[in-house]
Protein backbone atom coordinates (compact mmCIF):
# COMPACT_ATOMS: atom_id res chain seq x y z
CA MET A 1 83.25 -259.41 -159.14
CA TYR A 2 81.79 -260.25 -162.49
CA PRO A 3 78.28 -259.01 -162.45
CA LEU A 4 76.97 -261.88 -164.78
CA PRO A 5 73.62 -263.66 -164.95
CA HIS A 6 73.68 -267.43 -163.62
CA HIS A 7 72.62 -269.21 -166.72
CA SER A 8 73.59 -272.18 -168.93
CA VAL A 9 74.26 -272.33 -172.45
CA GLY A 10 74.28 -275.48 -174.81
CA PHE A 11 75.69 -275.68 -178.57
CA ARG A 12 74.39 -278.24 -181.26
CA PHE A 13 76.33 -278.74 -184.60
CA SER A 14 75.76 -280.61 -187.58
CA SER A 15 79.07 -281.12 -188.92
CA ASP A 16 81.48 -284.13 -189.62
CA LEU A 17 84.38 -282.15 -189.22
CA PRO A 18 86.63 -283.52 -186.21
CA LEU A 19 87.13 -279.90 -184.72
CA LEU A 20 87.28 -279.08 -180.95
CA THR A 21 84.21 -277.32 -180.12
CA LEU A 22 82.57 -275.79 -177.23
CA LYS A 23 79.58 -277.79 -176.22
CA GLY A 24 78.19 -275.67 -173.49
CA ALA A 25 78.90 -273.07 -170.88
CA GLY A 26 77.29 -271.81 -167.59
CA LEU A 27 77.60 -269.78 -164.46
CA GLN A 28 76.55 -271.44 -161.29
CA TYR A 29 76.29 -270.60 -157.58
CA ALA A 30 76.20 -273.82 -155.36
CA ASP A 31 75.46 -273.54 -151.53
CA THR A 32 73.85 -276.93 -150.69
CA PRO A 33 75.84 -279.89 -149.38
CA THR A 34 73.89 -281.77 -151.94
CA TYR A 35 76.02 -280.41 -154.58
CA CYS A 36 77.99 -283.14 -156.22
CA TRP A 37 78.81 -284.64 -159.32
CA ASP A 38 80.02 -288.27 -159.66
CA ASN A 39 81.49 -288.51 -162.86
CA HIS A 40 82.17 -292.48 -162.71
CA ASN A 41 78.84 -293.48 -164.72
CA ARG A 42 77.76 -290.08 -166.36
CA ARG A 43 76.14 -291.02 -170.01
CA ASP A 44 77.26 -287.48 -171.35
CA GLU A 45 80.70 -287.25 -172.78
CA HIS A 46 82.74 -284.11 -172.68
CA CYS A 47 86.05 -282.58 -171.10
CA LEU A 48 85.37 -279.84 -168.52
CA ILE A 49 87.02 -276.76 -167.44
CA GLN A 50 85.52 -275.45 -164.10
CA PHE A 51 87.12 -271.97 -163.01
CA CYS A 52 86.31 -270.79 -159.30
CA LEU A 53 85.31 -267.55 -158.83
CA ASP A 54 84.34 -267.30 -155.23
CA GLY A 55 84.08 -269.64 -152.34
CA ALA A 56 85.88 -273.06 -152.40
CA GLY A 57 85.00 -276.62 -154.14
CA ALA A 58 86.96 -279.78 -154.01
CA LEU A 59 87.97 -282.21 -156.85
CA GLN A 60 88.43 -285.83 -156.07
CA LEU A 61 90.36 -287.62 -158.85
CA ASP A 62 92.15 -291.27 -158.84
CA ASP A 63 91.57 -291.21 -155.10
CA LEU A 64 93.46 -287.83 -154.58
CA LEU A 65 91.81 -284.86 -153.35
CA TYR A 66 92.57 -281.27 -154.49
CA PRO A 67 90.99 -278.23 -152.87
CA VAL A 68 89.94 -275.59 -155.60
CA ALA A 69 90.06 -271.97 -154.47
CA PRO A 70 88.96 -268.80 -156.09
CA GLY A 71 91.30 -268.25 -159.28
CA ASP A 72 91.88 -271.95 -159.58
CA ALA A 73 90.42 -274.14 -162.67
CA PHE A 74 90.25 -277.76 -162.76
CA VAL A 75 90.18 -279.82 -165.87
CA ILE A 76 88.66 -283.49 -166.25
CA ASP A 77 87.57 -286.07 -168.68
CA ILE A 78 83.84 -287.21 -168.23
CA PRO A 79 83.02 -289.83 -167.48
CA GLY A 80 85.89 -290.71 -165.47
CA LYS A 81 87.32 -291.58 -162.00
CA SER A 82 86.41 -288.16 -160.72
CA ARG A 83 83.93 -286.45 -158.51
CA TYR A 84 83.54 -282.75 -157.62
CA TYR A 85 81.45 -281.23 -155.04
CA LEU A 86 80.88 -278.50 -152.20
CA PRO A 87 83.02 -279.67 -149.13
CA GLU A 88 81.86 -279.30 -145.71
CA ASN A 89 84.16 -276.58 -144.70
CA SER A 90 82.70 -274.37 -147.54
CA SER A 91 79.69 -272.31 -147.49
CA HIS A 92 79.43 -271.61 -151.32
CA TRP A 93 81.13 -272.17 -154.67
CA GLU A 94 80.58 -269.85 -157.59
CA PHE A 95 82.09 -271.06 -160.73
CA LEU A 96 82.19 -270.65 -164.56
CA TYR A 97 82.27 -274.12 -166.36
CA PHE A 98 82.73 -274.83 -170.10
CA GLU A 99 82.01 -278.15 -171.61
CA PHE A 100 84.16 -279.22 -174.60
CA SER A 101 84.30 -282.14 -177.22
CA LYS A 102 87.00 -284.76 -176.67
CA GLU A 103 89.46 -283.38 -179.44
CA CYS A 104 90.88 -281.38 -176.50
CA LEU A 105 92.34 -284.78 -174.83
CA PRO A 106 96.08 -284.26 -175.91
CA LEU A 107 95.85 -280.78 -174.45
CA LEU A 108 94.25 -282.13 -171.32
CA ARG A 109 96.96 -284.71 -170.83
CA LYS A 110 99.70 -282.21 -171.37
CA ILE A 111 98.21 -280.59 -168.38
CA TYR A 112 98.21 -283.27 -166.27
CA GLY A 113 101.47 -284.33 -166.90
CA HIS A 114 102.78 -280.91 -165.37
CA THR A 115 100.50 -279.49 -162.94
CA GLY A 116 97.74 -282.12 -162.29
CA PRO A 117 94.10 -281.42 -163.02
CA VAL A 118 93.96 -278.10 -160.89
CA VAL A 119 95.78 -274.77 -162.47
CA PRO A 120 96.30 -271.93 -160.70
CA VAL A 121 94.91 -269.22 -163.15
CA GLY A 122 94.37 -266.35 -160.88
CA LEU A 123 91.42 -263.83 -160.73
CA ASP A 124 92.95 -260.69 -162.26
CA THR A 125 94.56 -262.20 -165.32
CA PRO A 126 94.02 -262.24 -168.91
CA LEU A 127 93.24 -265.87 -169.11
CA ALA A 128 90.46 -265.20 -166.41
CA GLU A 129 88.96 -262.36 -168.52
CA ARG A 130 89.03 -264.70 -171.46
CA MET A 131 86.73 -266.97 -169.68
CA VAL A 132 84.24 -264.50 -168.55
CA THR A 133 84.41 -263.30 -172.12
CA LEU A 134 83.66 -266.40 -173.52
CA TYR A 135 80.62 -266.93 -171.36
CA ARG A 136 79.56 -263.58 -172.15
CA LYS A 137 79.59 -264.26 -175.96
CA ALA A 138 77.52 -267.63 -175.22
CA LEU A 139 74.83 -265.65 -173.51
CA GLU A 140 74.75 -263.05 -176.19
CA ASP A 141 74.58 -265.60 -178.98
CA SER A 142 77.83 -264.13 -180.51
CA VAL A 143 79.23 -267.54 -181.22
CA GLY A 144 77.61 -267.67 -184.75
CA THR A 145 79.41 -270.30 -186.56
CA LEU A 146 80.96 -273.65 -185.95
CA PHE A 147 84.50 -272.16 -187.01
CA GLU A 148 83.88 -269.22 -184.54
CA ASN A 149 83.26 -271.79 -181.91
CA SER A 150 86.19 -273.82 -182.56
CA ARG A 151 88.65 -271.03 -182.70
CA LEU A 152 87.24 -269.77 -179.12
CA ALA A 153 87.52 -273.28 -177.83
CA TYR A 154 91.04 -273.71 -179.13
CA ASP A 155 92.06 -270.30 -177.89
CA LEU A 156 90.98 -271.12 -174.41
CA TRP A 157 92.54 -274.52 -174.25
CA MET A 158 95.87 -273.11 -175.59
CA ASP A 159 96.10 -270.40 -173.15
CA LEU A 160 95.21 -272.75 -170.26
CA THR A 161 97.79 -275.25 -171.51
CA ALA A 162 100.46 -272.36 -171.71
CA CYS A 163 99.46 -271.13 -168.19
CA ALA A 164 100.05 -274.70 -166.84
CA LEU A 165 103.44 -275.03 -168.50
CA ALA A 166 104.47 -271.57 -167.23
CA VAL A 167 103.39 -272.38 -163.48
CA THR A 168 105.44 -275.62 -163.78
CA GLY A 169 108.89 -274.22 -163.28
CA THR A 170 107.72 -272.34 -160.45
CA GLU A 171 105.79 -274.95 -158.84
CA ARG A 172 108.68 -277.43 -158.98
CA SER A 173 111.45 -275.01 -157.67
CA ARG A 174 108.92 -274.40 -154.68
CA VAL A 175 109.04 -278.18 -154.05
CA ASP A 176 112.79 -277.97 -154.26
CA ALA A 177 112.76 -275.15 -151.84
CA ALA A 178 110.48 -277.37 -149.52
CA LYS A 179 113.15 -280.25 -149.62
CA SER A 180 115.88 -277.63 -148.84
CA TYR A 181 113.66 -276.16 -145.69
CA ILE A 182 113.61 -279.85 -144.56
CA ASP A 183 117.50 -280.31 -145.03
CA GLN A 184 117.86 -276.99 -142.97
CA ASN A 185 115.14 -277.43 -140.52
CA TYR A 186 115.16 -281.15 -139.51
CA HIS A 187 116.54 -280.26 -136.03
CA ASN A 188 113.12 -278.56 -135.31
CA PRO A 189 110.66 -280.52 -133.03
CA ASN A 190 107.94 -278.40 -134.62
CA LEU A 191 108.48 -279.22 -138.27
CA ASN A 192 105.77 -280.97 -139.83
CA LEU A 193 104.05 -280.99 -143.28
CA ASP A 194 101.83 -277.78 -142.68
CA LEU A 195 104.96 -275.83 -141.71
CA VAL A 196 106.99 -276.96 -144.92
CA ALA A 197 103.83 -276.31 -147.21
CA ASP A 198 103.63 -273.00 -145.79
CA HIS A 199 107.07 -272.13 -146.42
CA ALA A 200 106.92 -273.54 -149.86
CA GLY A 201 103.94 -271.64 -150.65
CA LEU A 202 102.02 -274.72 -151.80
CA SER A 203 99.04 -276.66 -150.59
CA LYS A 204 99.72 -279.73 -148.50
CA TYR A 205 97.90 -281.94 -151.31
CA TYR A 206 99.84 -280.48 -154.05
CA LEU A 207 103.19 -280.47 -152.17
CA CYS A 208 102.74 -284.46 -151.12
CA LYS A 209 101.90 -285.28 -154.84
CA GLU A 210 104.89 -283.14 -156.50
CA PHE A 211 107.26 -284.35 -153.81
CA GLN A 212 106.55 -287.79 -154.41
CA HIS A 213 106.81 -287.33 -158.06
CA LYS A 214 110.10 -285.70 -157.95
CA PHE A 215 111.73 -287.43 -155.28
CA GLY A 216 110.17 -290.89 -154.95
CA ILE A 217 109.19 -290.32 -151.36
CA SER A 218 106.39 -288.39 -149.24
CA PRO A 219 107.62 -285.27 -147.59
CA GLY A 220 106.76 -286.90 -144.06
CA LYS A 221 108.65 -289.78 -144.57
CA TYR A 222 111.77 -287.58 -146.09
CA ILE A 223 111.53 -285.59 -142.75
CA ARG A 224 111.79 -288.94 -140.72
CA GLU A 225 114.78 -290.23 -142.86
CA VAL A 226 116.77 -287.08 -142.71
CA ARG A 227 116.30 -286.99 -139.14
CA LEU A 228 117.35 -290.88 -138.84
CA ALA A 229 120.34 -290.19 -141.04
CA LYS A 230 121.70 -287.41 -138.90
CA ALA A 231 120.97 -289.49 -135.69
CA CYS A 232 122.93 -292.40 -136.95
CA ARG A 233 125.75 -290.17 -138.14
CA LEU A 234 125.87 -289.05 -134.49
CA LEU A 235 125.79 -292.25 -132.92
CA MET A 236 128.66 -293.43 -134.91
CA THR A 237 130.85 -290.40 -134.48
CA SER A 238 130.16 -288.90 -131.30
CA THR A 239 130.81 -290.23 -127.77
CA ASP A 240 130.04 -287.00 -126.05
CA TYR A 241 126.22 -286.99 -126.37
CA THR A 242 123.70 -288.82 -124.50
CA MET A 243 120.74 -290.34 -126.20
CA GLU A 244 118.47 -287.74 -125.10
CA GLN A 245 120.89 -284.82 -126.61
CA ILE A 246 120.96 -286.85 -129.76
CA ALA A 247 117.34 -287.05 -130.04
CA GLN A 248 116.90 -283.40 -129.34
CA GLN A 249 119.28 -282.33 -131.90
CA VAL A 250 117.56 -284.29 -134.95
CA GLY A 251 114.11 -282.83 -133.90
CA TYR A 252 112.77 -285.19 -131.35
CA SER A 253 111.77 -283.56 -128.01
CA ASN A 254 110.68 -287.03 -126.46
CA ASN A 255 113.52 -289.47 -126.17
CA ASN A 256 111.03 -292.49 -125.86
CA TYR A 257 109.43 -291.45 -129.08
CA PHE A 258 112.78 -291.00 -130.87
CA GLY A 259 113.60 -294.82 -129.73
CA LYS A 260 110.50 -296.16 -130.76
CA VAL A 261 110.84 -294.38 -134.37
CA PHE A 262 114.55 -295.61 -134.49
CA ARG A 263 113.71 -298.99 -133.69
CA ALA A 264 110.96 -299.42 -136.35
CA GLU A 265 113.23 -298.09 -138.96
CA LYS A 266 116.38 -299.67 -138.13
CA GLY A 267 115.42 -302.78 -136.63
CA LEU A 268 117.17 -302.06 -133.09
CA PRO A 269 117.25 -299.52 -130.52
CA PRO A 270 119.79 -296.47 -130.94
CA ASP A 271 122.14 -297.45 -127.88
CA GLN A 272 122.53 -300.90 -129.78
CA TYR A 273 123.24 -299.23 -132.82
CA LYS A 274 125.83 -297.01 -131.30
CA LYS A 275 127.64 -300.14 -129.71
CA ARG A 276 127.47 -302.05 -133.23
CA SER A 277 128.96 -299.18 -134.90
CA ASN A 278 131.83 -298.48 -132.54
CA ARG A 279 133.82 -301.85 -132.49
CA TYR A 280 136.71 -300.35 -133.58
CA ASP A 281 139.14 -297.78 -132.14
CA PHE A 282 139.57 -296.22 -135.56
CA VAL A 283 137.54 -296.26 -138.88
CA ARG A 284 139.61 -295.66 -141.95
CA ALA A 285 138.03 -294.76 -145.48
CA VAL A 286 138.83 -297.35 -148.32
CA TYR A 287 138.70 -296.27 -151.85
CA GLU A 288 138.45 -298.05 -155.14
CA THR A 289 141.93 -296.89 -156.23
CA PRO A 290 144.79 -295.79 -154.10
CA HIS A 291 143.86 -292.42 -152.79
CA GLU A 292 146.50 -289.76 -151.61
CA PRO A 293 145.48 -286.38 -150.04
CA PRO A 294 146.32 -283.56 -152.58
CA VAL A 295 149.55 -281.51 -152.06
CA ALA A 296 149.35 -277.99 -152.47
CA GLU A 297 151.87 -276.40 -154.83
CA SER A 298 153.20 -272.98 -154.21
CA PRO A 299 153.35 -270.66 -157.53
CA ALA A 300 157.10 -271.33 -157.80
CA GLN A 301 156.71 -275.07 -157.77
CA ALA A 302 154.10 -274.94 -160.62
CA SER A 303 155.27 -276.64 -163.82
CA PRO A 304 155.28 -274.41 -166.93
CA VAL A 305 152.64 -276.65 -168.50
CA SER A 306 150.41 -276.24 -165.85
CA ALA A 307 150.89 -272.65 -165.46
CA ARG A 308 150.14 -272.06 -169.18
CA SER A 309 147.00 -274.18 -168.63
CA THR A 310 145.73 -272.07 -165.70
CA SER A 311 146.21 -268.97 -167.66
CA THR A 312 143.84 -269.81 -170.58
């Protein structure tokens, strides 16, 4: 897609100004299983933007695994609790990379707070073109001064941060869509994490991370809790359904498995739960204050005051 040579370029400065600077840039093609950078004990110190052009890679950060697909850029602080590598299911990984001084850390943390370390930039976008242009400028020795270098570095980080912030609203709405999809399809026995992620247009890894962050529960556990809540309601209110029918209505095709899951969560099997819940012939709702059902008024019965209130 971008006919550029695979090289690396470094920059050295003699200045005491605390400016964000580009320290290095490169274009690399990795196709061996040995390609892996473990950043726990690296001696060099910089922040990295790595942009996937082709193939696929993987980033592990704080025990979380993030797939890196074409159009994705990941950002990390080196050294740190991370490693990036060519996964077994990928034949190659071609990428641009840019190394920066630590003055970009506030922007990196801002990105982490919204999208995590991986930002979906896209291949045919102005930001992707900006990264290609920056690599080309480095190759052609077109970054002549410290100030030009710093300006280009700031421009890239500002654009990447803006991209991450713009994605956040869409991604979070997709997490909401995933929750709604579970709420509406809990009765489907084939409902699983793959299906929910596909419907929301998110990777399983991102969905799990953001779902947990937003709702305080994993999507897999949420599916189970929704199903059991619906089952409890049927057990308490319905006398016509068998246990097998209740299991099927809440997404369990196997009655025995439904019983095991129910007992593990509730501490007793569903038939005993049903008996315990139905000790009375009638169940009345009790409110903190006296509660009377609203009485509808006809237009002729409405008071003049209420009529004026509704007309304003």
